[in-house]
Amino acid sequence: MTAVNNGATALPVLRAAFEPTGSPRWFVYAMKKLELDVKHGFDLQITLVRDQITGAFQSFEVALKEGAVDLIDVDWIVIGRHRADGLPLTAFFPYGRIAGGLVVPSDSSINGLQDLRGKRVGVVRLRDKNWIIVRAACMKQFGFDPQQENMIVEALSKGTLAELLKGGQVDAALQWWQLIPPLVATGAYRRVVDVLDLIADLGIDGAVPITLFTVTEEFAKRNGELLRGFVRAFCDTADYLKANDQIWVEIGEQVMGGIDQRILTILRDSWRRRVMTAWDSSTVRQIERLFGELLKVGGGPLLGIDRLPSGTFVMDFVE
């Protein structure tokens, strides 16, 4: 952590890494425009990293691991794996129910998970939480594991996955949620599955955060007030984005490059449905319930871990 001079006061800097196509850029725009980071005592600085996976790490995970940034958002399955492998990451607040969907060409015969047998399915990576949930749903509802019965193409980036679908190299693509509305708007594609619905089908009622704001354990121990300030700023930003439509028009122009208003409205409403600001023991229990269901269906080989290690979640920074 460093500090910058903001007038007469030196503010601590919080360095975060997100992907250029990720939805965190939307709340970052609003937070910085409204100066909510400064209001809550810090300066949020953003690094945009490549949409790329190297080995077991996404680019933003590499940036955190190497100390280039302090904060990322990532799903709790990944956090648990890293902790089990000796990398002490910890989640201190939820971002939201950030999960993707299955997209197919409009004229496809695929209308649900039951139709996936024998099809070529594109995924960003085999260990992605979206694919894990889809596999578990297929096992529980239809008695087959698509990773065993299908040809699965691992794209290793969201952009490459989109090209595979457009080029007809896969019959279905499990894409990130915010990239689906622009595809569907062309008329050439349709979404057949929302991963959030599959979570309900697995027997989990109520909201379950999927991705969470994450730092190293050491950073959390040394920077409690900074993380408390981020939590306050994020909650204020989320409240503003839920209530104010005009800021979304600016986000569409300044962040999304002048996206079509109809698509922007879909993305806005979907983000509002997905973002979460509740973080207490009951929220963590919801995560543990979903983990338990996934483990029950597919076991450790499905998840890459057979338990969520102690320290995966902390609630020390919520007031």
C-alpha atoms as a PDB file:
ATOM      1  CA  MET A   1       0.000   0.000   0.000  1.00  0.00           C
ATOM      2  CA  THR A   2       1.211   3.516  -0.831  1.00  0.00           C
ATOM      3  CA  ALA A   3      -0.261   6.959  -0.207  1.00  0.00           C
ATOM      4  CA  VAL A   4      -1.141   9.861  -2.479  1.00  0.00           C
ATOM      5  CA  ASN A   5      -1.539  13.501  -1.525  1.00  0.00           C
ATOM      6  CA  ASN A   6      -5.122  14.665  -1.873  1.00  0.00           C
ATOM      7  CA  GLY A   7      -4.903  18.366  -1.113  1.00  0.00           C
ATOM      8  CA  ALA A   8      -3.693  18.618   2.462  1.00  0.00           C
ATOM      9  CA  THR A   9      -4.230  14.950   3.279  1.00  0.00           C
ATOM     10  CA  ALA A  10      -2.266  11.910   2.164  1.00  0.00           C
ATOM     11  CA  LEU A  11      -4.727   9.133   1.323  1.00  0.00           C
ATOM     12  CA  PRO A  12      -3.786   5.464   1.347  1.00  0.00           C
ATOM     13  CA  VAL A  13      -3.946   3.863  -2.095  1.00  0.00           C
ATOM     14  CA  LEU A  14      -5.885   0.664  -2.718  1.00  0.00           C
ATOM     15  CA  ARG A  15      -4.745  -1.002  -5.955  1.00  0.00           C
ATOM     16  CA  ALA A  16      -7.301  -3.252  -7.662  1.00  0.00           C
ATOM     17  CA  ALA A  17      -7.098  -5.367 -10.823  1.00  0.00           C
ATOM     18  CA  PHE A  18     -10.072  -6.149 -13.036  1.00  0.00           C
ATOM     19  CA  GLU A  19     -10.543  -7.341 -16.603  1.00  0.00           C
ATOM     20  CA  PRO A  20     -11.426  -4.823 -19.359  1.00  0.00           C
ATOM     21  CA  THR A  21     -14.717  -6.603 -20.147  1.00  0.00           C
ATOM     22  CA  GLY A  22     -15.670  -7.207 -16.523  1.00  0.00           C
ATOM     23  CA  SER A  23     -18.605  -5.555 -14.779  1.00  0.00           C
ATOM     24  CA  PRO A  24     -16.450  -4.187 -11.890  1.00  0.00           C
ATOM     25  CA  ARG A  25     -15.454  -1.369 -14.239  1.00  0.00           C
ATOM     26  CA  TRP A  26     -19.028  -0.081 -13.972  1.00  0.00           C
ATOM     27  CA  PHE A  27     -19.038   0.437 -10.229  1.00  0.00           C
ATOM     28  CA  VAL A  28     -15.461   1.746 -10.348  1.00  0.00           C
ATOM     29  CA  TYR A  29     -16.582   4.489 -12.761  1.00  0.00           C
ATOM     30  CA  ALA A  30     -19.384   5.520 -10.412  1.00  0.00           C
ATOM     31  CA  MET A  31     -17.234   5.305  -7.286  1.00  0.00           C
ATOM     32  CA  LYS A  32     -14.538   7.515  -8.798  1.00  0.00           C
ATOM     33  CA  LYS A  33     -17.015   9.991 -10.326  1.00  0.00           C
ATOM     34  CA  LEU A  34     -18.777  10.421  -6.997  1.00  0.00           C
ATOM     35  CA  GLU A  35     -15.432  10.431  -5.146  1.00  0.00           C
ATOM     36  CA  LEU A  36     -16.748   7.855  -2.729  1.00  0.00           C
ATOM     37  CA  ASP A  37     -13.294   6.372  -2.298  1.00  0.00           C
ATOM     38  CA  VAL A  38     -11.971   9.762  -1.154  1.00  0.00           C
ATOM     39  CA  LYS A  39     -15.026  10.277   1.062  1.00  0.00           C
ATOM     40  CA  HIS A  40     -14.209   7.018   2.826  1.00  0.00           C
ATOM     41  CA  GLY A  41     -10.526   7.726   3.211  1.00  0.00           C
ATOM     42  CA  PHE A  42      -8.646   6.074   0.346  1.00  0.00           C
ATOM     43  CA  ASP A  43      -7.749   6.383  -3.326  1.00  0.00           C
ATOM     44  CA  LEU A  44      -8.865   3.465  -5.506  1.00  0.00           C
ATOM     45  CA  GLN A  45      -6.474   2.877  -8.385  1.00  0.00           C
ATOM     46  CA  ILE A  46      -7.351   0.375 -11.100  1.00  0.00           C
ATOM     47  CA  THR A  47      -5.209  -1.841 -13.290  1.00  0.00           C
ATOM     48  CA  LEU A  48      -6.930  -3.504 -16.243  1.00  0.00           C
ATOM     49  CA  VAL A  49      -5.370  -6.881 -16.943  1.00  0.00           C
ATOM     50  CA  ARG A  50      -5.611  -9.161 -19.953  1.00  0.00           C
ATOM     51  CA  ASP A  51      -8.445 -11.639 -20.342  1.00  0.00           C
ATOM     52  CA  GLN A  52      -6.102 -14.588 -20.189  1.00  0.00           C
ATOM     53  CA  ILE A  53      -5.416 -17.712 -18.156  1.00  0.00           C
ATOM     54  CA  THR A  54      -1.933 -19.080 -17.557  1.00  0.00           C
ATOM     55  CA  GLY A  55      -1.796 -22.440 -15.850  1.00  0.00           C
ATOM     56  CA  ALA A  56      -4.053 -22.300 -12.795  1.00  0.00           C
ATOM     57  CA  PHE A  57      -4.115 -18.498 -12.650  1.00  0.00           C
ATOM     58  CA  GLN A  58      -6.150 -15.803 -14.326  1.00  0.00           C
ATOM     59  CA  SER A  59      -4.248 -12.602 -15.087  1.00  0.00           C
ATOM     60  CA  PHE A  60      -5.692 -10.688 -12.124  1.00  0.00           C
ATOM     61  CA  GLU A  61      -4.793 -13.572  -9.800  1.00  0.00           C
ATOM     62  CA  VAL A  62      -1.204 -13.365 -11.045  1.00  0.00           C
ATOM     63  CA  ALA A  63      -1.175  -9.618 -10.348  1.00  0.00           C
ATOM     64  CA  LEU A  64      -2.323 -10.212  -6.756  1.00  0.00           C
ATOM     65  CA  LYS A  65       0.057 -13.130  -6.210  1.00  0.00           C
ATOM     66  CA  GLU A  66       3.029 -11.069  -7.430  1.00  0.00           C
ATOM     67  CA  GLY A  67       2.092  -8.064  -5.289  1.00  0.00           C
ATOM     68  CA  ALA A  68       1.353  -5.743  -8.218  1.00  0.00           C
ATOM     69  CA  VAL A  69      -2.156  -5.090  -6.832  1.00  0.00           C
ATOM     70  CA  ASP A  70      -3.912  -5.419  -3.495  1.00  0.00           C
ATOM     71  CA  LEU A  71      -7.469  -6.449  -4.409  1.00  0.00           C
ATOM     72  CA  ILE A  72      -9.307  -8.562  -6.985  1.00  0.00           C
ATOM     73  CA  ASP A  73     -12.744 -10.123  -7.280  1.00  0.00           C
ATOM     74  CA  VAL A  74     -12.839 -13.887  -7.695  1.00  0.00           C
ATOM     75  CA  ASP A  75     -15.100 -16.802  -6.839  1.00  0.00           C
ATOM     76  CA  TRP A  76     -14.854 -18.645  -3.557  1.00  0.00           C
ATOM     77  CA  ILE A  77     -14.019 -21.991  -5.163  1.00  0.00           C
ATOM     78  CA  VAL A  78     -10.831 -20.432  -6.544  1.00  0.00           C
ATOM     79  CA  ILE A  79     -10.035 -18.835  -3.175  1.00  0.00           C
ATOM     80  CA  GLY A  80     -10.463 -22.196  -1.470  1.00  0.00           C
ATOM     81  CA  ARG A  81      -8.197 -23.911  -4.006  1.00  0.00           C
ATOM     82  CA  HIS A  82      -5.487 -21.297  -3.608  1.00  0.00           C
ATOM     83  CA  ARG A  83      -5.604 -21.575   0.186  1.00  0.00           C
ATOM     84  CA  ALA A  84      -5.412 -25.361  -0.054  1.00  0.00           C
ATOM     85  CA  ASP A  85      -2.356 -24.940  -2.315  1.00  0.00           C
ATOM     86  CA  GLY A  86      -0.635 -22.633   0.145  1.00  0.00           C
ATOM     87  CA  LEU A  87      -1.538 -19.212  -1.278  1.00  0.00           C
ATOM     88  CA  PRO A  88      -3.352 -17.466   1.620  1.00  0.00           C
ATOM     89  CA  LEU A  89      -6.063 -15.449  -0.088  1.00  0.00           C
ATOM     90  CA  THR A  90      -9.105 -14.360   1.871  1.00  0.00           C
ATOM     91  CA  ALA A  91     -12.488 -12.920   0.860  1.00  0.00           C
ATOM     92  CA  PHE A  92     -13.619  -9.932   2.932  1.00  0.00           C
ATOM     93  CA  PHE A  93     -16.843  -8.818   1.176  1.00  0.00           C
ATOM     94  CA  PRO A  94     -19.106 -10.089  -1.619  1.00  0.00           C
ATOM     95  CA  TYR A  95     -19.336  -8.532  -5.057  1.00  0.00           C
ATOM     96  CA  GLY A  96     -22.395 -10.525  -6.035  1.00  0.00           C
ATOM     97  CA  ARG A  97     -24.100 -13.404  -7.740  1.00  0.00           C
ATOM     98  CA  ILE A  98     -21.740 -13.131 -10.686  1.00  0.00           C
ATOM     99  CA  ALA A  99     -22.393 -16.188 -12.832  1.00  0.00           C
ATOM    100  CA  GLY A 100     -22.744 -16.816 -16.547  1.00  0.00           C
ATOM    101  CA  GLY A 101     -25.030 -18.617 -18.939  1.00  0.00           C
ATOM    102  CA  LEU A 102     -25.122 -21.138 -21.749  1.00  0.00           C
ATOM    103  CA  VAL A 103     -25.491 -19.587 -25.211  1.00  0.00           C
ATOM    104  CA  VAL A 104     -26.309 -21.389 -28.475  1.00  0.00           C
ATOM    105  CA  PRO A 105     -27.045 -20.356 -32.068  1.00  0.00           C
ATOM    106  CA  SER A 106     -30.685 -19.383 -32.558  1.00  0.00           C
ATOM    107  CA  ASP A 107     -31.384 -22.409 -34.761  1.00  0.00           C
ATOM    108  CA  SER A 108     -29.758 -24.872 -32.338  1.00  0.00           C
ATOM    109  CA  SER A 109     -31.608 -27.983 -31.170  1.00  0.00           C
ATOM    110  CA  ILE A 110     -30.255 -27.367 -27.654  1.00  0.00           C
ATOM    111  CA  ASN A 111     -33.019 -26.093 -25.387  1.00  0.00           C
ATOM    112  CA  GLY A 112     -31.658 -27.122 -22.009  1.00  0.00           C
ATOM    113  CA  LEU A 113     -29.021 -29.155 -20.216  1.00  0.00           C
ATOM    114  CA  GLN A 114     -30.730 -32.386 -21.206  1.00  0.00           C
ATOM    115  CA  ASP A 115     -29.837 -31.667 -24.848  1.00  0.00           C
ATOM    116  CA  LEU A 116     -26.093 -31.286 -24.268  1.00  0.00           C
ATOM    117  CA  ARG A 117     -25.194 -34.975 -24.639  1.00  0.00           C
ATOM    118  CA  GLY A 118     -22.804 -35.435 -27.533  1.00  0.00           C
ATOM    119  CA  LYS A 119     -22.477 -31.705 -28.251  1.00  0.00           C
ATOM    120  CA  ARG A 120     -19.306 -29.614 -28.449  1.00  0.00           C
ATOM    121  CA  VAL A 121     -19.330 -27.255 -25.489  1.00  0.00           C
ATOM    122  CA  GLY A 122     -16.985 -24.284 -25.140  1.00  0.00           C
ATOM    123  CA  VAL A 123     -15.914 -23.108 -21.693  1.00  0.00           C
ATOM    124  CA  VAL A 124     -13.460 -20.457 -20.558  1.00  0.00           C
ATOM    125  CA  ARG A 125     -11.716 -23.024 -18.395  1.00  0.00           C
ATOM    126  CA  LEU A 126     -12.538 -26.452 -17.057  1.00  0.00           C
ATOM    127  CA  ARG A 127     -12.193 -25.369 -13.418  1.00  0.00           C
ATOM    128  CA  ASP A 128     -14.468 -22.338 -13.790  1.00  0.00           C
ATOM    129  CA  LYS A 129     -17.313 -22.073 -11.293  1.00  0.00           C
ATOM    130  CA  ASN A 130     -19.904 -21.821 -14.102  1.00  0.00           C
ATOM    131  CA  TRP A 131     -18.802 -25.123 -15.606  1.00  0.00           C
ATOM    132  CA  ILE A 132     -18.655 -26.787 -12.192  1.00  0.00           C
ATOM    133  CA  ILE A 133     -22.265 -25.777 -11.495  1.00  0.00           C
ATOM    134  CA  VAL A 134     -23.420 -26.890 -14.960  1.00  0.00           C
ATOM    135  CA  ARG A 135     -21.732 -30.271 -14.516  1.00  0.00           C
ATOM    136  CA  ALA A 136     -23.317 -30.714 -11.095  1.00  0.00           C
ATOM    137  CA  ALA A 137     -26.764 -29.799 -12.445  1.00  0.00           C
ATOM    138  CA  CYS A 138     -26.396 -32.279 -15.326  1.00  0.00           C
ATOM    139  CA  MET A 139     -25.367 -35.027 -12.898  1.00  0.00           C
ATOM    140  CA  LYS A 140     -28.168 -34.329 -10.445  1.00  0.00           C
ATOM    141  CA  GLN A 141     -31.019 -33.698 -12.879  1.00  0.00           C
ATOM    142  CA  PHE A 142     -30.136 -35.836 -15.907  1.00  0.00           C
ATOM    143  CA  GLY A 143     -27.624 -38.432 -14.724  1.00  0.00           C
ATOM    144  CA  PHE A 144     -24.654 -37.577 -16.902  1.00  0.00           C
ATOM    145  CA  ASP A 145     -21.410 -35.641 -16.576  1.00  0.00           C
ATOM    146  CA  PRO A 146     -20.916 -33.521 -19.707  1.00  0.00           C
ATOM    147  CA  GLN A 147     -17.171 -33.413 -19.129  1.00  0.00           C
ATOM    148  CA  GLN A 148     -17.122 -37.179 -19.610  1.00  0.00           C
ATOM    149  CA  GLU A 149     -19.728 -37.502 -22.390  1.00  0.00           C
ATOM    150  CA  ASN A 150     -19.054 -34.373 -24.466  1.00  0.00           C
ATOM    151  CA  MET A 151     -16.230 -32.773 -26.353  1.00  0.00           C
ATOM    152  CA  ILE A 152     -15.278 -29.809 -24.169  1.00  0.00           C
ATOM    153  CA  VAL A 153     -13.219 -26.998 -25.670  1.00  0.00           C
ATOM    154  CA  GLU A 154     -11.293 -24.917 -23.134  1.00  0.00           C
ATOM    155  CA  ALA A 155     -10.902 -21.425 -24.617  1.00  0.00           C
ATOM    156  CA  LEU A 156      -8.794 -19.858 -21.815  1.00  0.00           C
ATOM    157  CA  SER A 157     -10.319 -16.427 -22.471  1.00  0.00           C
ATOM    158  CA  LYS A 158     -13.817 -15.010 -22.870  1.00  0.00           C
ATOM    159  CA  GLY A 159     -12.897 -13.381 -26.172  1.00  0.00           C
ATOM    160  CA  THR A 160     -11.609 -16.629 -27.648  1.00  0.00           C
ATOM    161  CA  LEU A 161     -14.748 -18.412 -26.458  1.00  0.00           C
ATOM    162  CA  ALA A 162     -16.928 -15.885 -28.295  1.00  0.00           C
ATOM    163  CA  GLU A 163     -14.940 -16.473 -31.477  1.00  0.00           C
ATOM    164  CA  LEU A 164     -15.307 -20.255 -31.150  1.00  0.00           C
ATOM    165  CA  LEU A 165     -19.087 -19.869 -30.935  1.00  0.00           C
ATOM    166  CA  LYS A 166     -19.259 -17.425 -33.830  1.00  0.00           C
ATOM    167  CA  GLY A 167     -17.044 -19.672 -35.948  1.00  0.00           C
ATOM    168  CA  GLY A 168     -19.207 -22.745 -35.323  1.00  0.00           C
ATOM    169  CA  GLN A 169     -16.385 -24.618 -33.599  1.00  0.00           C
ATOM    170  CA  VAL A 170     -18.615 -25.278 -30.586  1.00  0.00           C
ATOM    171  CA  ASP A 171     -22.351 -25.991 -30.397  1.00  0.00           C
ATOM    172  CA  ALA A 172     -22.788 -24.130 -27.108  1.00  0.00           C
ATOM    173  CA  ALA A 173     -20.696 -21.701 -25.103  1.00  0.00           C
ATOM    174  CA  LEU A 174     -20.729 -21.110 -21.351  1.00  0.00           C
ATOM    175  CA  GLN A 175     -20.111 -17.380 -21.440  1.00  0.00           C
ATOM    176  CA  TRP A 176     -19.825 -14.638 -18.810  1.00  0.00           C
ATOM    177  CA  TRP A 177     -23.187 -13.007 -18.011  1.00  0.00           C
ATOM    178  CA  GLN A 178     -22.403  -9.465 -19.191  1.00  0.00           C
ATOM    179  CA  LEU A 179     -21.283 -10.667 -22.641  1.00  0.00           C
ATOM    180  CA  ILE A 180     -24.509 -12.544 -23.371  1.00  0.00           C
ATOM    181  CA  PRO A 181     -27.023  -9.694 -24.009  1.00  0.00           C
ATOM    182  CA  PRO A 182     -24.965  -8.207 -26.887  1.00  0.00           C
ATOM    183  CA  LEU A 183     -24.768 -11.673 -28.473  1.00  0.00           C
ATOM    184  CA  VAL A 184     -28.491 -12.312 -28.081  1.00  0.00           C
ATOM    185  CA  ALA A 185     -29.330  -8.832 -29.426  1.00  0.00           C
ATOM    186  CA  THR A 186     -27.847  -9.782 -32.820  1.00  0.00           C
ATOM    187  CA  GLY A 187     -30.615 -12.355 -33.249  1.00  0.00           C
ATOM    188  CA  ALA A 188     -28.061 -15.014 -34.083  1.00  0.00           C
ATOM    189  CA  TYR A 189     -27.888 -16.494 -30.578  1.00  0.00           C
ATOM    190  CA  ARG A 190     -30.072 -17.254 -27.586  1.00  0.00           C
ATOM    191  CA  ARG A 191     -29.414 -18.068 -23.969  1.00  0.00           C
ATOM    192  CA  VAL A 192     -30.751 -21.444 -22.888  1.00  0.00           C
ATOM    193  CA  VAL A 193     -29.471 -21.597 -19.297  1.00  0.00           C
ATOM    194  CA  ASP A 194     -28.745 -19.013 -16.607  1.00  0.00           C
ATOM    195  CA  VAL A 195     -26.306 -20.466 -14.082  1.00  0.00           C
ATOM    196  CA  LEU A 196     -28.117 -18.605 -11.289  1.00  0.00           C
ATOM    197  CA  ASP A 197     -31.216 -20.708 -12.012  1.00  0.00           C
ATOM    198  CA  LEU A 198     -29.141 -23.884 -11.740  1.00  0.00           C
ATOM    199  CA  ILE A 199     -28.110 -22.909  -8.213  1.00  0.00           C
ATOM    200  CA  ALA A 200     -31.793 -22.853  -7.249  1.00  0.00           C
ATOM    201  CA  ASP A 201     -32.259 -26.204  -9.003  1.00  0.00           C
ATOM    202  CA  LEU A 202     -29.501 -27.630  -6.800  1.00  0.00           C
ATOM    203  CA  GLY A 203     -31.737 -26.891  -3.819  1.00  0.00           C
ATOM    204  CA  ILE A 204     -30.257 -23.607  -2.605  1.00  0.00           C
ATOM    205  CA  ASP A 205     -32.917 -21.018  -1.784  1.00  0.00           C
ATOM    206  CA  GLY A 206     -32.010 -17.367  -1.464  1.00  0.00           C
ATOM    207  CA  ALA A 207     -29.079 -15.322  -2.704  1.00  0.00           C
ATOM    208  CA  VAL A 208     -25.616 -16.844  -2.696  1.00  0.00           C
ATOM    209  CA  PRO A 209     -22.610 -14.676  -3.553  1.00  0.00           C
ATOM    210  CA  ILE A 210     -20.361 -16.245  -6.173  1.00  0.00           C
ATOM    211  CA  THR A 211     -17.530 -13.734  -6.533  1.00  0.00           C
ATOM    212  CA  LEU A 212     -16.051 -11.810  -3.649  1.00  0.00           C
ATOM    213  CA  PHE A 213     -13.543  -9.047  -3.092  1.00  0.00           C
ATOM    214  CA  THR A 214     -10.319 -10.729  -2.164  1.00  0.00           C
ATOM    215  CA  VAL A 215      -6.918  -9.791  -0.742  1.00  0.00           C
ATOM    216  CA  THR A 216      -4.012 -11.688   0.731  1.00  0.00           C
ATOM    217  CA  GLU A 217      -4.309 -12.613   4.379  1.00  0.00           C
ATOM    218  CA  GLU A 218      -1.270 -10.480   5.200  1.00  0.00           C
ATOM    219  CA  PHE A 219      -2.770  -7.413   3.503  1.00  0.00           C
ATOM    220  CA  ALA A 220      -6.014  -7.862   5.431  1.00  0.00           C
ATOM    221  CA  LYS A 221      -4.154  -8.008   8.746  1.00  0.00           C
ATOM    222  CA  ARG A 222      -2.196  -4.821   8.002  1.00  0.00           C
ATOM    223  CA  ASN A 223      -4.918  -2.708   6.371  1.00  0.00           C
ATOM    224  CA  GLY A 224      -8.132  -3.117   8.316  1.00  0.00           C
ATOM    225  CA  GLU A 225      -9.254   0.498   8.134  1.00  0.00           C
ATOM    226  CA  LEU A 226      -8.526   0.657   4.412  1.00  0.00           C
ATOM    227  CA  LEU A 227     -10.715  -2.386   3.765  1.00  0.00           C
ATOM    228  CA  ARG A 228     -13.466  -1.003   6.004  1.00  0.00           C
ATOM    229  CA  GLY A 229     -13.359   2.154   3.882  1.00  0.00           C
ATOM    230  CA  PHE A 230     -13.641   0.123   0.691  1.00  0.00           C
ATOM    231  CA  VAL A 231     -16.663  -1.766   2.039  1.00  0.00           C
ATOM    232  CA  ARG A 232     -18.397   1.524   2.922  1.00  0.00           C
ATOM    233  CA  ALA A 233     -17.557   3.029  -0.484  1.00  0.00           C
ATOM    234  CA  PHE A 234     -18.716  -0.055  -2.357  1.00  0.00           C
ATOM    235  CA  CYS A 235     -22.039  -0.184  -0.498  1.00  0.00           C
ATOM    236  CA  ASP A 236     -22.637   3.512  -1.150  1.00  0.00           C
ATOM    237  CA  THR A 237     -21.794   3.002  -4.826  1.00  0.00           C
ATOM    238  CA  ALA A 238     -24.072  -0.025  -5.126  1.00  0.00           C
ATOM    239  CA  ASP A 239     -26.949   1.895  -3.527  1.00  0.00           C
ATOM    240  CA  TYR A 240     -26.426   4.767  -5.971  1.00  0.00           C
ATOM    241  CA  LEU A 241     -26.282   2.463  -9.003  1.00  0.00           C
ATOM    242  CA  LYS A 242     -29.481   0.742  -7.896  1.00  0.00           C
ATOM    243  CA  ALA A 243     -31.376   4.008  -7.568  1.00  0.00           C
ATOM    244  CA  ASN A 244     -29.976   6.202 -10.333  1.00  0.00           C
ATOM    245  CA  ASP A 245     -30.581   5.468 -14.028  1.00  0.00           C
ATOM    246  CA  GLN A 246     -28.677   8.456 -15.422  1.00  0.00           C
ATOM    247  CA  ILE A 247     -25.316   7.196 -14.173  1.00  0.00           C
ATOM    248  CA  TRP A 248     -25.863   4.090 -16.288  1.00  0.00           C
ATOM    249  CA  VAL A 249     -26.222   6.242 -19.395  1.00  0.00           C
ATOM    250  CA  GLU A 250     -22.790   7.678 -18.606  1.00  0.00           C
ATOM    251  CA  ILE A 251     -21.371   4.203 -17.987  1.00  0.00           C
ATOM    252  CA  GLY A 252     -22.767   3.077 -21.339  1.00  0.00           C
ATOM    253  CA  GLU A 253     -21.029   5.955 -23.081  1.00  0.00           C
ATOM    254  CA  GLN A 254     -17.789   6.224 -21.113  1.00  0.00           C
ATOM    255  CA  VAL A 255     -17.082   2.603 -20.148  1.00  0.00           C
ATOM    256  CA  MET A 256     -18.968   0.439 -22.645  1.00  0.00           C
ATOM    257  CA  GLY A 257     -18.166   2.512 -25.714  1.00  0.00           C
ATOM    258  CA  GLY A 258     -21.639   3.743 -26.607  1.00  0.00           C
ATOM    259  CA  ILE A 259     -23.549   0.481 -26.239  1.00  0.00           C
ATOM    260  CA  ASP A 260     -27.112   0.211 -27.575  1.00  0.00           C
ATOM    261  CA  GLN A 261     -29.624   1.567 -25.031  1.00  0.00           C
ATOM    262  CA  ARG A 262     -31.701  -1.631 -25.022  1.00  0.00           C
ATOM    263  CA  ILE A 263     -28.668  -3.751 -24.179  1.00  0.00           C
ATOM    264  CA  LEU A 264     -27.555  -1.230 -21.563  1.00  0.00           C
ATOM    265  CA  THR A 265     -30.932  -1.470 -19.842  1.00  0.00           C
ATOM    266  CA  ILE A 266     -30.692  -5.272 -19.735  1.00  0.00           C
ATOM    267  CA  LEU A 267     -27.187  -5.102 -18.290  1.00  0.00           C
ATOM    268  CA  ARG A 268     -28.203  -2.462 -15.749  1.00  0.00           C
ATOM    269  CA  ASP A 269     -31.184  -4.468 -14.505  1.00  0.00           C
ATOM    270  CA  SER A 270     -29.190  -7.683 -14.425  1.00  0.00           C
ATOM    271  CA  TRP A 271     -26.361  -6.054 -12.465  1.00  0.00           C
ATOM    272  CA  ARG A 272     -28.841  -4.691  -9.949  1.00  0.00           C
ATOM    273  CA  ARG A 273     -30.234  -8.195  -9.485  1.00  0.00           C
ATOM    274  CA  ARG A 274     -26.799  -9.719  -9.041  1.00  0.00           C
ATOM    275  CA  VAL A 275     -24.907  -7.273  -6.825  1.00  0.00           C
ATOM    276  CA  MET A 276     -24.876  -8.033  -3.088  1.00  0.00           C
ATOM    277  CA  THR A 277     -24.058  -6.015   0.003  1.00  0.00           C
ATOM    278  CA  ALA A 278     -25.091  -8.483   2.723  1.00  0.00           C
ATOM    279  CA  TRP A 279     -22.118 -10.089   4.478  1.00  0.00           C
ATOM    280  CA  ASP A 280     -22.583 -11.954   7.723  1.00  0.00           C
ATOM    281  CA  SER A 281     -22.575 -15.506   9.051  1.00  0.00           C
ATOM    282  CA  SER A 282     -25.831 -16.358   7.252  1.00  0.00           C
ATOM    283  CA  THR A 283     -24.303 -15.300   3.913  1.00  0.00           C
ATOM    284  CA  VAL A 284     -21.335 -17.571   4.516  1.00  0.00           C
ATOM    285  CA  ARG A 285     -23.674 -20.412   5.477  1.00  0.00           C
ATOM    286  CA  GLN A 286     -25.370 -20.026   2.090  1.00  0.00           C
ATOM    287  CA  ILE A 287     -21.993 -20.416   0.375  1.00  0.00           C
ATOM    288  CA  GLU A 288     -21.208 -23.460   2.497  1.00  0.00           C
ATOM    289  CA  ARG A 289     -24.604 -24.983   1.641  1.00  0.00           C
ATOM    290  CA  LEU A 290     -23.931 -24.585  -2.083  1.00  0.00           C
ATOM    291  CA  PHE A 291     -20.434 -25.986  -1.672  1.00  0.00           C
ATOM    292  CA  GLY A 292     -21.923 -28.948   0.184  1.00  0.00           C
ATOM    293  CA  GLU A 293     -24.433 -29.623  -2.596  1.00  0.00           C
ATOM    294  CA  LEU A 294     -21.731 -29.462  -5.266  1.00  0.00           C
ATOM    295  CA  LEU A 295     -19.525 -31.757  -3.202  1.00  0.00           C
ATOM    296  CA  LYS A 296     -22.394 -34.180  -2.680  1.00  0.00           C
ATOM    297  CA  VAL A 297     -23.072 -34.386  -6.403  1.00  0.00           C
ATOM    298  CA  GLY A 298     -19.555 -34.455  -7.820  1.00  0.00           C
ATOM    299  CA  GLY A 299     -17.133 -34.832  -4.945  1.00  0.00           C
ATOM    300  CA  GLY A 300     -13.671 -33.342  -4.638  1.00  0.00           C
ATOM    301  CA  PRO A 301     -12.718 -34.100  -8.273  1.00  0.00           C
ATOM    302  CA  LEU A 302     -15.500 -31.774  -9.460  1.00  0.00           C
ATOM    303  CA  LEU A 303     -14.435 -28.850  -7.283  1.00  0.00           C
ATOM    304  CA  GLY A 304     -10.696 -29.362  -7.014  1.00  0.00           C
ATOM    305  CA  ILE A 305     -11.044 -29.283  -3.203  1.00  0.00           C
ATOM    306  CA  ASP A 306     -13.032 -31.320  -0.714  1.00  0.00           C
ATOM    307  CA  ARG A 307     -13.472 -28.520   1.845  1.00  0.00           C
ATOM    308  CA  LEU A 308     -13.350 -24.746   2.114  1.00  0.00           C
ATOM    309  CA  PRO A 309     -10.229 -24.097   4.200  1.00  0.00           C
ATOM    310  CA  SER A 310     -10.388 -22.081   7.394  1.00  0.00           C
ATOM    311  CA  GLY A 311      -9.776 -18.403   6.647  1.00  0.00           C
ATOM    312  CA  THR A 312     -11.414 -18.429   3.217  1.00  0.00           C
ATOM    313  CA  PHE A 313     -13.876 -15.797   4.476  1.00  0.00           C
ATOM    314  CA  VAL A 314     -13.441 -12.987   7.013  1.00  0.00           C
ATOM    315  CA  MET A 315     -16.077 -10.566   8.291  1.00  0.00           C
ATOM    316  CA  ASP A 316     -13.815  -8.218  10.229  1.00  0.00           C
ATOM    317  CA  PHE A 317     -14.371  -5.195   7.994  1.00  0.00           C
ATOM    318  CA  VAL A 318     -18.157  -4.800   8.066  1.00  0.00           C
ATOM    319  CA  GLU A 319     -19.568  -2.246  10.482  1.00  0.00           C
END
